[in-house]
Protein backbone atom coordinates (compact mmCIF):
# COMPACT_ATOMS: atom_id res chain seq x y z
CA MET A 1 -5.03 8.27 21.56
CA PRO A 2 -6.93 10.99 19.67
CA SER A 3 -9.51 9.48 17.32
CA ASP A 4 -11.67 10.55 14.42
CA THR A 5 -14.25 8.36 12.72
CA TYR A 6 -15.31 8.22 9.07
CA ASP A 7 -17.40 5.89 6.96
CA TYR A 8 -14.44 5.23 4.66
CA VAL A 9 -10.74 5.63 5.42
CA ILE A 10 -8.61 5.56 2.27
CA VAL A 11 -4.87 5.00 2.75
CA GLY A 12 -3.07 6.64 -0.17
CA GLY A 13 -4.14 9.66 -2.19
CA GLY A 14 -2.70 8.57 -5.52
CA THR A 15 -4.70 7.96 -8.67
CA ALA A 16 -6.82 5.13 -7.28
CA GLY A 17 -7.38 6.81 -3.92
CA CYS A 18 -8.51 10.10 -5.47
CA VAL A 19 -10.79 8.47 -8.02
CA LEU A 20 -12.32 6.17 -5.43
CA ALA A 21 -12.95 8.95 -2.90
CA SER A 22 -14.43 11.23 -5.55
CA ARG A 23 -16.74 8.55 -6.93
CA LEU A 24 -17.87 7.43 -3.48
CA HIS A 25 -18.76 11.00 -2.55
CA HIS A 26 -20.46 11.60 -5.89
CA GLY A 27 -22.54 8.46 -5.40
CA ASP A 28 -23.58 9.37 -1.85
CA PRO A 29 -22.69 12.87 -0.61
CA SER A 30 -23.78 11.94 2.91
CA LEU A 31 -20.79 9.62 3.33
CA SER A 32 -17.88 10.82 5.44
CA ILE A 33 -14.60 10.00 3.70
CA VAL A 34 -10.98 10.74 4.50
CA VAL A 35 -7.99 10.31 2.20
CA ILE A 36 -4.59 10.02 3.90
CA GLU A 37 -1.64 10.91 1.66
CA ALA A 38 2.07 10.91 2.53
CA GLY A 39 2.88 13.58 -0.04
CA SER A 40 1.84 17.19 -0.49
CA ASP A 41 -0.94 19.02 -2.31
CA VAL A 42 0.52 20.12 -5.67
CA SER A 43 -2.53 21.93 -7.02
CA LYS A 44 -0.76 25.30 -7.17
CA ARG A 45 2.70 24.18 -8.35
CA ALA A 46 3.43 25.59 -11.79
CA ASP A 47 6.11 22.98 -12.52
CA VAL A 48 3.59 20.21 -11.91
CA LEU A 49 0.92 21.81 -14.06
CA ASP A 50 3.36 22.21 -16.96
CA GLY A 51 2.98 18.89 -18.75
CA SER A 52 6.40 19.14 -20.39
CA GLN A 53 8.28 19.22 -17.06
CA TRP A 54 7.92 15.61 -15.97
CA ALA A 55 11.65 14.76 -16.21
CA PRO A 56 12.81 17.54 -13.81
CA LEU A 57 10.04 16.54 -11.38
CA LEU A 58 11.67 13.13 -10.96
CA GLY A 59 14.46 14.89 -9.08
CA THR A 60 12.13 16.54 -6.56
CA GLU A 61 10.49 15.54 -3.31
CA LEU A 62 7.43 14.53 -5.32
CA ASN A 63 9.20 11.31 -6.27
CA TRP A 64 9.58 8.56 -3.66
CA ASP A 65 12.80 7.84 -5.59
CA TYR A 66 12.85 4.15 -4.79
CA LYS A 67 15.84 1.97 -5.60
CA THR A 68 15.62 -1.74 -6.10
CA VAL A 69 17.80 -4.16 -4.20
CA PRO A 70 20.81 -5.15 -6.34
CA GLN A 71 19.52 -7.00 -9.38
CA LYS A 72 21.57 -10.13 -9.98
CA HIS A 73 20.56 -10.35 -13.65
CA LEU A 74 21.58 -6.73 -14.27
CA GLY A 75 25.12 -6.92 -12.93
CA ASP A 76 24.05 -6.42 -9.30
CA ARG A 77 22.94 -2.89 -10.04
CA SER A 78 20.21 -1.08 -8.12
CA ILE A 79 17.66 0.36 -10.52
CA ALA A 80 15.84 3.62 -9.86
CA ASN A 81 12.06 3.29 -9.70
CA ALA A 82 9.94 6.42 -9.80
CA ALA A 83 6.66 6.71 -7.92
CA GLY A 84 4.65 9.83 -7.21
CA LYS A 85 4.58 11.18 -3.65
CA ALA A 86 1.82 13.77 -3.86
CA LEU A 87 -1.92 14.11 -3.83
CA GLY A 88 -2.64 12.56 -7.18
CA GLY A 89 0.27 10.15 -6.90
CA SER A 90 2.15 9.49 -10.08
CA THR A 91 -0.22 11.62 -12.14
CA ALA A 92 1.73 14.53 -10.61
CA ILE A 93 5.06 13.48 -12.14
CA ASN A 94 4.50 11.03 -14.99
CA ALA A 95 5.13 11.61 -18.69
CA GLY A 96 1.45 11.59 -19.57
CA ALA A 97 1.35 8.84 -22.19
CA TRP A 98 -2.08 7.23 -22.31
CA THR A 99 -2.01 3.55 -23.27
CA ARG A 100 -4.94 1.22 -22.78
CA GLY A 101 -3.21 -2.08 -23.53
CA ASP A 102 -3.92 -5.30 -25.36
CA ARG A 103 -7.41 -6.82 -25.33
CA GLN A 104 -5.88 -10.27 -24.76
CA ASN A 105 -4.34 -9.22 -21.45
CA TYR A 106 -7.69 -8.17 -20.01
CA ASN A 107 -9.40 -11.29 -21.32
CA HIS A 108 -6.74 -13.40 -19.64
CA TRP A 109 -7.31 -11.59 -16.33
CA GLY A 110 -11.05 -12.19 -16.61
CA HIS A 111 -10.39 -15.88 -17.26
CA VAL A 112 -7.99 -16.21 -14.32
CA VAL A 113 -10.39 -14.63 -11.82
CA LYS A 114 -13.44 -16.24 -13.46
CA ASP A 115 -15.18 -12.88 -13.75
CA SER A 116 -16.00 -11.40 -17.15
CA ARG A 117 -16.16 -7.92 -15.63
CA TRP A 118 -12.34 -7.95 -15.75
CA SER A 119 -12.28 -8.85 -19.45
CA TYR A 120 -11.73 -6.20 -22.10
CA ASP A 121 -15.43 -5.94 -22.93
CA GLY A 122 -16.27 -5.88 -19.24
CA LEU A 123 -14.00 -2.89 -18.66
CA LEU A 124 -14.73 -1.11 -21.95
CA PRO A 125 -17.62 0.98 -20.58
CA TYR A 126 -15.23 2.41 -17.98
CA PHE A 127 -12.54 3.07 -20.58
CA ARG A 128 -15.12 5.05 -22.55
CA LYS A 129 -16.44 6.83 -19.48
CA ILE A 130 -13.05 8.15 -18.40
CA GLU A 131 -11.90 9.75 -21.66
CA THR A 132 -12.47 12.48 -24.17
CA PHE A 133 -11.00 10.84 -27.25
CA HIS A 134 -8.71 13.04 -29.32
CA ASP A 135 -10.56 12.38 -32.59
CA PRO A 136 -14.21 13.51 -32.47
CA HIS A 137 -14.88 11.22 -35.45
CA GLY A 138 -13.47 8.15 -33.72
CA SER A 139 -15.39 4.98 -32.97
CA ALA A 140 -18.07 5.45 -30.33
CA ASN A 141 -17.95 1.70 -29.74
CA SER A 142 -14.35 1.96 -28.56
CA HIS A 143 -14.07 5.47 -27.13
CA GLY A 144 -15.74 8.11 -25.05
CA PHE A 145 -16.04 11.79 -25.95
CA ASP A 146 -17.10 13.57 -22.76
CA GLY A 147 -14.95 12.06 -20.01
CA PRO A 148 -12.61 13.91 -17.63
CA ILE A 149 -9.36 12.80 -19.30
CA LYS A 150 -8.65 14.92 -22.36
CA GLN A 151 -6.40 13.41 -25.00
CA ILE A 152 -4.08 14.88 -27.61
CA THR A 153 -1.67 13.51 -30.20
CA PRO A 154 1.70 14.90 -31.32
CA SER A 155 0.66 15.13 -34.97
CA ALA A 156 -0.05 18.87 -34.87
CA ARG A 157 3.43 19.60 -33.47
CA GLY A 158 5.01 18.67 -36.80
CA TYR A 159 8.22 16.98 -35.68
CA PRO A 160 10.60 16.75 -38.67
CA LEU A 161 11.33 13.04 -38.14
CA ARG A 162 7.67 12.03 -38.11
CA ASN A 163 7.25 11.07 -41.75
CA PRO A 164 10.75 9.57 -42.22
CA LEU A 165 10.29 7.30 -39.20
CA GLN A 166 6.86 6.17 -40.29
CA ALA A 167 8.35 5.31 -43.68
CA ALA A 168 11.22 3.40 -42.08
CA TRP A 169 8.87 1.32 -39.93
CA ALA A 170 6.73 0.56 -42.99
CA ALA A 171 9.80 -0.51 -44.97
CA ALA A 172 10.63 -2.90 -42.12
CA GLY A 173 7.18 -4.44 -42.36
CA VAL A 174 5.43 -2.64 -39.49
CA GLY A 175 2.44 -0.71 -40.73
CA PHE A 176 0.56 2.24 -39.28
CA ILE A 177 -2.62 1.65 -37.28
CA PRO A 178 -5.04 4.52 -36.61
CA ASP A 179 -5.73 3.74 -32.95
CA MET A 180 -3.38 2.12 -30.44
CA ASN A 181 -6.12 2.19 -27.78
CA SER A 182 -8.65 0.04 -29.60
CA GLY A 183 -7.54 -3.10 -27.79
CA GLU A 184 -5.57 -4.15 -30.88
CA PRO A 185 -2.31 -2.18 -30.55
CA LEU A 186 0.01 -4.16 -32.86
CA GLY A 187 1.66 -1.74 -35.28
CA VAL A 188 2.88 1.85 -35.42
CA ALA A 189 0.45 4.25 -33.79
CA GLU A 190 0.19 7.82 -32.61
CA MET A 191 1.37 8.31 -29.07
CA ILE A 192 -1.59 9.56 -27.04
CA GLU A 193 -1.08 12.03 -24.20
CA ASP A 194 -3.49 13.16 -21.51
CA ARG A 195 -3.22 16.92 -21.58
CA LEU A 196 -5.56 19.89 -21.25
CA ASP A 197 -4.30 22.98 -23.11
CA GLY A 198 -0.75 21.76 -22.61
CA GLN A 199 -1.19 21.22 -18.88
CA ARG A 200 -0.85 18.05 -16.87
CA ILE A 201 -4.01 16.31 -15.76
CA VAL A 202 -3.56 15.42 -12.09
CA ALA A 203 -6.10 12.99 -10.64
CA PRO A 204 -7.76 15.27 -8.03
CA PHE A 205 -8.19 18.03 -10.63
CA VAL A 206 -10.57 15.90 -12.69
CA TYR A 207 -11.87 13.70 -9.88
CA PRO A 208 -12.50 16.48 -7.37
CA LEU A 209 -12.30 15.85 -3.64
CA ASP A 210 -14.81 18.51 -2.59
CA GLY A 211 -16.68 17.11 0.40
CA VAL A 212 -13.83 14.70 1.21
CA ASP A 213 -11.40 15.28 4.07
CA VAL A 214 -7.79 15.09 2.86
CA LEU A 215 -4.75 14.71 5.09
CA THR A 216 -1.55 15.44 3.19
CA ASN A 217 2.03 14.99 4.41
CA THR A 218 0.63 12.24 6.62
CA LEU A 219 2.09 8.74 6.77
CA VAL A 220 0.07 5.72 7.88
CA LYS A 221 1.80 3.23 10.17
CA ARG A 222 -0.65 0.34 10.07
CA VAL A 223 -4.22 -0.81 9.73
CA ILE A 224 -5.78 -1.80 13.04
CA ILE A 225 -7.37 -5.26 12.87
CA LYS A 226 -9.89 -6.53 15.40
CA ASP A 227 -11.48 -9.93 15.90
CA ILE A 228 -15.24 -9.45 15.48
CA ASN A 229 -17.49 -12.51 15.65
CA GLY A 230 -14.60 -14.76 14.74
CA LYS A 231 -13.51 -12.67 11.76
CA LYS A 232 -10.53 -10.36 11.36
CA VAL A 233 -11.93 -6.93 10.51
CA ALA A 234 -10.08 -3.70 9.60
CA THR A 235 -11.54 -1.06 11.89
CA ALA A 236 -9.08 1.87 11.85
CA VAL A 237 -5.63 3.08 10.90
CA GLU A 238 -2.85 4.31 13.13
CA LEU A 239 -0.69 7.13 11.84
CA ALA A 240 3.08 7.15 11.96
CA ASP A 241 3.06 9.67 14.81
CA ASN A 242 2.11 6.67 17.02
CA GLU A 243 -0.64 8.80 18.58
CA THR A 244 -3.45 9.34 16.11
CA VAL A 245 -6.04 6.69 15.27
CA ILE A 246 -8.65 7.22 12.55
CA ALA A 247 -11.55 4.78 12.67
CA ALA A 248 -13.76 3.47 9.88
CA ARG A 249 -17.45 2.68 10.26
CA ARG A 250 -17.59 0.82 6.96
CA GLU A 251 -14.21 0.12 5.38
CA VAL A 252 -10.51 0.79 5.44
CA ILE A 253 -9.22 0.85 1.86
CA VAL A 254 -5.49 0.49 1.21
CA SER A 255 -4.50 2.10 -2.10
CA ALA A 256 -0.92 3.06 -1.34
CA GLY A 257 0.61 1.84 -4.59
CA ALA A 258 2.37 -1.30 -5.71
CA TYR A 259 5.17 -0.85 -3.16
CA ARG A 260 3.59 0.78 -0.12
CA SER A 261 0.38 -1.27 -0.08
CA PRO A 262 2.10 -4.57 0.76
CA GLN A 263 4.31 -2.69 3.22
CA VAL A 264 1.25 -1.32 5.05
CA LEU A 265 -0.33 -4.78 5.13
CA MET A 266 2.79 -6.37 6.58
CA LEU A 267 3.21 -3.64 9.19
CA SER A 268 -0.40 -4.38 10.12
CA GLY A 269 0.35 -8.05 10.80
CA LEU A 270 -0.95 -9.37 7.49
CA GLY A 271 1.74 -11.22 5.56
CA PRO A 272 4.26 -14.06 5.57
CA ARG A 273 4.79 -15.28 9.12
CA ASP A 274 8.58 -15.60 8.90
CA GLU A 275 8.93 -12.12 7.42
CA LEU A 276 6.78 -10.48 10.10
CA GLU A 277 8.35 -12.33 13.02
CA LYS A 278 11.80 -11.35 11.77
CA HIS A 279 10.86 -7.72 12.40
CA GLY A 280 8.99 -8.26 15.67
CA ILE A 281 5.53 -7.75 14.16
CA ASP A 282 2.63 -9.70 15.66
CA VAL A 283 1.16 -12.06 13.06
CA LEU A 284 -2.59 -11.50 12.84
CA VAL A 285 -3.12 -13.39 9.60
CA ASP A 286 -0.40 -15.55 8.02
CA THR A 287 -0.77 -14.67 4.33
CA PRO A 288 2.36 -15.90 2.52
CA ASP A 289 1.57 -14.27 -0.84
CA VAL A 290 1.58 -10.68 0.43
CA GLY A 291 4.50 -9.00 -1.31
CA LEU A 292 5.15 -11.87 -3.71
CA HIS A 293 4.65 -12.27 -7.48
CA LEU A 294 5.91 -8.75 -8.25
CA HIS A 295 6.46 -8.16 -11.94
CA ASP A 296 7.32 -4.98 -13.73
CA HIS A 297 8.26 -3.75 -17.19
CA LEU A 298 11.90 -3.08 -17.93
CA SER A 299 13.26 -1.50 -21.06
CA VAL A 300 16.66 -1.04 -22.66
CA LEU A 301 17.94 2.27 -24.00
CA GLN A 302 19.90 2.78 -27.20
CA TRP A 303 21.31 5.93 -28.76
CA TRP A 304 21.48 6.61 -32.49
CA LYS A 305 23.61 9.21 -34.23
CA LEU A 306 21.64 11.26 -36.72
CA LYS A 307 22.84 11.46 -40.29
CA THR A 308 21.77 15.08 -40.82
CA PRO A 309 21.59 16.74 -37.40
CA GLU A 310 21.98 20.14 -39.02
CA LYS A 311 18.33 19.87 -40.04
CA GLY A 312 17.25 20.39 -36.45
CA LEU A 313 15.86 16.95 -35.72
CA SER A 314 16.45 16.60 -31.99
CA ILE A 315 16.39 18.62 -28.77
CA GLY A 316 19.61 20.55 -28.29
CA SER A 317 19.99 21.55 -31.91
CA PRO A 318 19.92 25.33 -32.42
CA PHE A 319 17.38 24.65 -35.17
CA PHE A 320 15.01 22.55 -33.06
CA ILE A 321 13.24 25.67 -31.88
CA ASN A 322 9.59 25.51 -32.94
CA SER A 323 7.67 26.24 -29.75
CA ASP A 324 5.10 23.59 -30.68
CA TYR A 325 7.81 20.92 -30.31
CA PHE A 326 7.85 21.49 -26.56
CA LYS A 327 4.13 21.24 -25.88
CA GLY A 328 4.41 17.56 -25.06
CA ASN A 329 6.73 14.60 -25.19
CA PRO A 330 9.15 14.73 -28.17
CA VAL A 331 7.78 11.43 -29.49
CA ASP A 332 5.46 10.69 -32.40
CA PHE A 333 4.79 6.97 -32.23
CA PHE A 334 4.51 3.97 -29.97
CA THR A 335 5.24 0.79 -31.92
CA THR A 336 3.86 -2.43 -30.47
CA GLN A 337 4.98 -5.81 -31.80
CA SER A 338 4.90 -9.51 -31.12
CA VAL A 339 7.92 -11.80 -31.31
CA PRO A 340 8.36 -14.99 -33.35
CA LYS A 341 6.32 -17.71 -31.67
CA GLN A 342 8.82 -20.54 -31.96
CA GLY A 343 11.65 -18.44 -30.60
CA LEU A 344 9.52 -17.48 -27.62
CA LEU A 345 8.45 -21.08 -27.05
CA ASP A 346 12.11 -22.10 -27.07
CA ALA A 347 12.90 -19.36 -24.53
CA LEU A 348 10.01 -20.42 -22.30
CA ALA A 349 11.29 -23.99 -22.48
CA VAL A 350 14.72 -22.83 -21.29
CA ASP A 351 12.93 -21.31 -18.28
CA GLY A 352 11.00 -24.52 -17.69
CA ASN A 353 7.85 -22.51 -18.35
CA PHE A 354 6.21 -24.90 -20.79
CA ASP A 355 2.63 -24.07 -19.89
CA ASN A 356 2.43 -20.44 -20.87
CA ALA A 357 0.35 -20.37 -24.02
CA GLU A 358 -0.95 -16.91 -23.14
CA VAL A 359 2.50 -15.31 -23.35
CA ALA A 360 3.37 -17.31 -26.48
CA SER A 361 0.31 -16.19 -28.44
CA GLN A 362 0.37 -13.45 -31.08
CA ARG A 363 0.11 -10.39 -28.89
CA SER A 364 1.90 -7.30 -27.55
CA HIS A 365 5.30 -8.54 -26.43
CA HIS A 366 7.36 -5.37 -26.74
CA GLU A 367 6.76 -1.70 -27.29
CA THR A 368 9.22 0.78 -28.78
CA TRP A 369 9.34 4.53 -28.64
CA ILE A 370 11.77 6.88 -30.36
CA MET A 371 12.41 10.12 -28.51
CA TYR A 372 13.85 13.19 -30.22
CA VAL A 373 16.43 13.84 -27.57
CA ALA A 374 19.61 12.16 -26.32
CA GLN A 375 18.17 10.94 -23.03
CA ASN A 376 21.38 9.95 -21.27
CA ALA A 377 20.91 7.45 -18.46
CA GLU A 378 24.22 5.61 -18.70
CA ASN A 379 26.57 6.96 -21.35
CA PRO A 380 28.47 10.20 -20.58
CA ALA A 381 29.42 10.45 -24.25
CA ILE A 382 25.80 11.15 -25.12
CA ILE A 383 24.68 14.72 -24.53
CA PRO A 384 21.49 16.46 -25.71
CA ASP A 385 23.14 18.54 -28.41
CA GLY A 386 20.83 17.62 -31.27
CA THR A 387 23.10 14.96 -32.73
CA HIS A 388 21.35 11.88 -31.32
CA ILE A 389 17.94 10.37 -30.67
CA THR A 390 17.07 7.78 -28.02
CA THR A 391 15.08 4.59 -28.37
CA SER A 392 13.56 2.39 -25.72
CA VAL A 393 12.39 -1.18 -26.15
CA ILE A 394 10.02 -2.23 -23.36
CA CYS A 395 9.24 -5.80 -22.30
CA MET A 396 5.45 -5.74 -22.05
CA LEU A 397 4.70 -9.27 -20.79
CA PRO A 398 7.49 -10.03 -18.32
CA THR A 399 7.67 -13.56 -16.97
CA SER A 400 10.24 -12.65 -14.29
CA ARG A 401 8.77 -12.52 -10.79
CA GLY A 402 10.07 -10.75 -7.70
CA SER A 403 8.92 -9.51 -4.31
CA ILE A 404 8.30 -6.63 -1.93
CA LYS A 405 9.58 -7.05 1.63
CA ILE A 406 9.87 -4.69 4.57
CA ALA A 407 13.25 -3.43 5.73
CA ASP A 408 12.07 -3.07 9.33
CA ALA A 409 9.01 -2.15 11.37
CA ASP A 410 9.40 1.58 10.69
CA PRO A 411 6.72 2.89 8.26
CA SER A 412 9.05 5.64 7.07
CA SER A 413 11.59 3.11 5.78
CA ALA A 414 11.46 2.32 2.08
CA PRO A 415 10.33 -1.21 1.29
CA LEU A 416 12.81 -3.69 -0.16
CA ILE A 417 11.92 -3.82 -3.85
CA ASP A 418 13.15 -6.80 -5.85
CA PRO A 419 11.46 -7.09 -9.25
CA ASN A 420 14.05 -9.74 -10.20
CA TYR A 421 14.41 -8.08 -13.59
CA MET A 422 15.47 -10.18 -16.57
CA ALA A 423 15.50 -13.42 -14.60
CA THR A 424 14.01 -15.35 -17.51
CA GLU A 425 15.23 -16.17 -20.98
CA ALA A 426 11.79 -15.22 -22.28
CA ASP A 427 12.24 -11.62 -21.10
CA ARG A 428 15.77 -11.42 -22.50
CA TYR A 429 14.60 -12.91 -25.79
CA THR A 430 11.82 -10.33 -26.07
CA LEU A 431 14.19 -7.40 -25.59
CA ARG A 432 16.77 -8.86 -27.97
CA GLU A 433 14.11 -9.19 -30.66
CA GLY A 434 13.05 -5.59 -30.09
CA MET A 435 16.63 -4.36 -30.49
CA ARG A 436 17.13 -6.43 -33.64
CA LYS A 437 13.96 -4.96 -35.10
CA LEU A 438 15.25 -1.46 -34.47
CA TYR A 439 18.48 -2.36 -36.27
CA GLN A 440 16.38 -3.47 -39.23
CA VAL A 441 14.41 -0.22 -39.18
CA PHE A 442 17.45 2.07 -38.98
CA ARG A 443 20.15 0.18 -40.85
CA GLU A 444 18.42 -2.19 -43.29
CA THR A 445 15.90 0.16 -44.87
CA ASP A 446 16.66 3.06 -47.18
CA ALA A 447 14.34 5.32 -45.18
CA GLY A 448 16.07 4.40 -41.92
CA ARG A 449 19.57 4.97 -43.29
CA GLU A 450 18.48 8.44 -44.34
CA VAL A 451 17.77 9.19 -40.66
CA VAL A 452 20.47 7.33 -38.72
CA GLU A 453 24.19 7.14 -39.37
CA SER A 454 25.06 4.59 -36.68
CA GLU A 455 24.32 3.35 -33.18
CA THR A 456 26.42 4.95 -30.45
CA VAL A 457 27.24 2.40 -27.76
CA GLY A 458 28.40 2.69 -24.19
CA GLU A 459 31.57 1.23 -22.77
CA GLY A 460 31.59 -2.57 -22.72
CA THR A 461 28.72 -3.02 -25.18
CA LYS A 462 28.47 -3.68 -28.89
CA ALA A 463 26.25 -2.11 -31.50
CA VAL A 464 23.45 -4.28 -32.77
CA SER A 465 24.28 -6.00 -36.05
CA PRO A 466 23.47 -9.28 -37.80
CA GLU A 467 26.68 -10.70 -36.33
CA VAL A 468 26.22 -9.67 -32.70
CA SER A 469 25.59 -12.58 -30.34
CA ASN A 470 22.73 -13.12 -27.92
CA GLU A 471 25.15 -12.73 -25.04
CA ASP A 472 26.36 -9.40 -26.43
CA LEU A 473 22.77 -8.19 -26.47
CA ASN A 474 22.19 -9.56 -22.98
CA GLU A 475 25.15 -7.48 -21.85
CA LYS A 476 23.58 -4.41 -23.45
CA ILE A 477 20.41 -5.12 -21.45
CA ARG A 478 22.43 -5.49 -18.24
CA ARG A 479 24.30 -2.23 -18.79
CA HIS A 480 21.60 0.01 -20.24
CA PRO A 481 18.24 -0.59 -18.55
CA GLN A 482 15.99 2.43 -18.70
CA TYR A 483 15.11 4.44 -15.61
CA VAL A 484 12.04 2.46 -14.64
CA TYR A 485 8.64 4.05 -14.14
CA SER A 486 7.08 1.62 -11.70
CA PHE A 487 4.00 3.75 -11.24
CA SER A 488 1.31 1.65 -9.69
CA SER A 489 -1.05 4.12 -11.33
CA LEU A 490 0.45 3.91 -14.80
CA CYS A 491 -2.94 3.12 -16.25
CA MET A 492 -3.69 6.79 -15.60
CA CYS A 493 -0.99 7.74 -18.10
């Protein structure tokens, strides 16, 4: 077999792979590094560079276009999961929202792994290093001002629903916070986007790969493992052409995303014995947890009929024409909220999950965005004609757990993705509370009623109201899950 040798062989040229290769080279230019990416180089594609074109890109070859196995808690439906297939990974197709997350989540991770470097304060220097914060007068303790990721907010675009929606949230008891990326995101906050003069920021553009060898349109079959002095050591990778081997003097690094990374490991003989033997793969190390414990955010879509669409409030209206409106996502705010503690404790008890104080604490349980367009995923009655807006309530701390398995021993086959969405009462409770809060915002405040006339529902579902049952809302969740962005590199957006 032909062979090349490098110090570092990086499997996957997504966000992590590009950043890692760039930083390794920057730290020691004498290192030889190769990045192996299954997708193409998109550096000259105008549709990729245009930050407003992320939705059309989901229908291109730049999306792996994964589908889950039928989800038994969502009516046995297969749910689309987007993941970037390009140099830069999902930074080439994502929507560009930049959310840092809740301080408590990082602190919990640091506690679990017994390493304070994974706590919020441990990671904060890197958060600051990566960004150029949108407000030059912002807190230097929380933010950086000369990093490669440039940030913007939608405030300058002047969307007509901005002030009415902020007033409606306030009337429902959810106040404005000046910075959702301070580690304390509870409240209504400006959506932050990573953009540079309206263009998308793709990972290799800002973490350059000069001095790094890059193989695009190249699929890795497996990592080659050898027994050296009684230890299993990754020494090379074999490509899917079954001919080419690329060796590593120092390390093989697998950064192929949340779905492909466990697939590569299992094809390499590292994984659950029964799963590997089922597909005729020699078991080098029996590691039962490979591919297990998968958890992912799911959200539920709702559509709301505008009371005064003639004012040009949503995409599709002949009066929604200000060119500034289309320089980013048609969203002003991300609203992050907790849920009532006792209700969540009761839901956790239903699941038999009594020892989950972390989830039950006052923290970011669901996030809501309101998009000024009728984003139709399920309901053919909803068209983007300026008469509707779309909301999405996202479960931020899912307790449902699923798995990644391999379909066969062919590296070109998609893995079997089973997030086991909405398997727990805690997750269903969280989404129900988010939908009920939206009803309060739109239908129980004067400011909200000035914006929204009613909720438009799909076939077989009921509009949210004080009388609607939990099971009715569960059915809404089953029928209207959002197209899921399972980007393993979502922290980049």
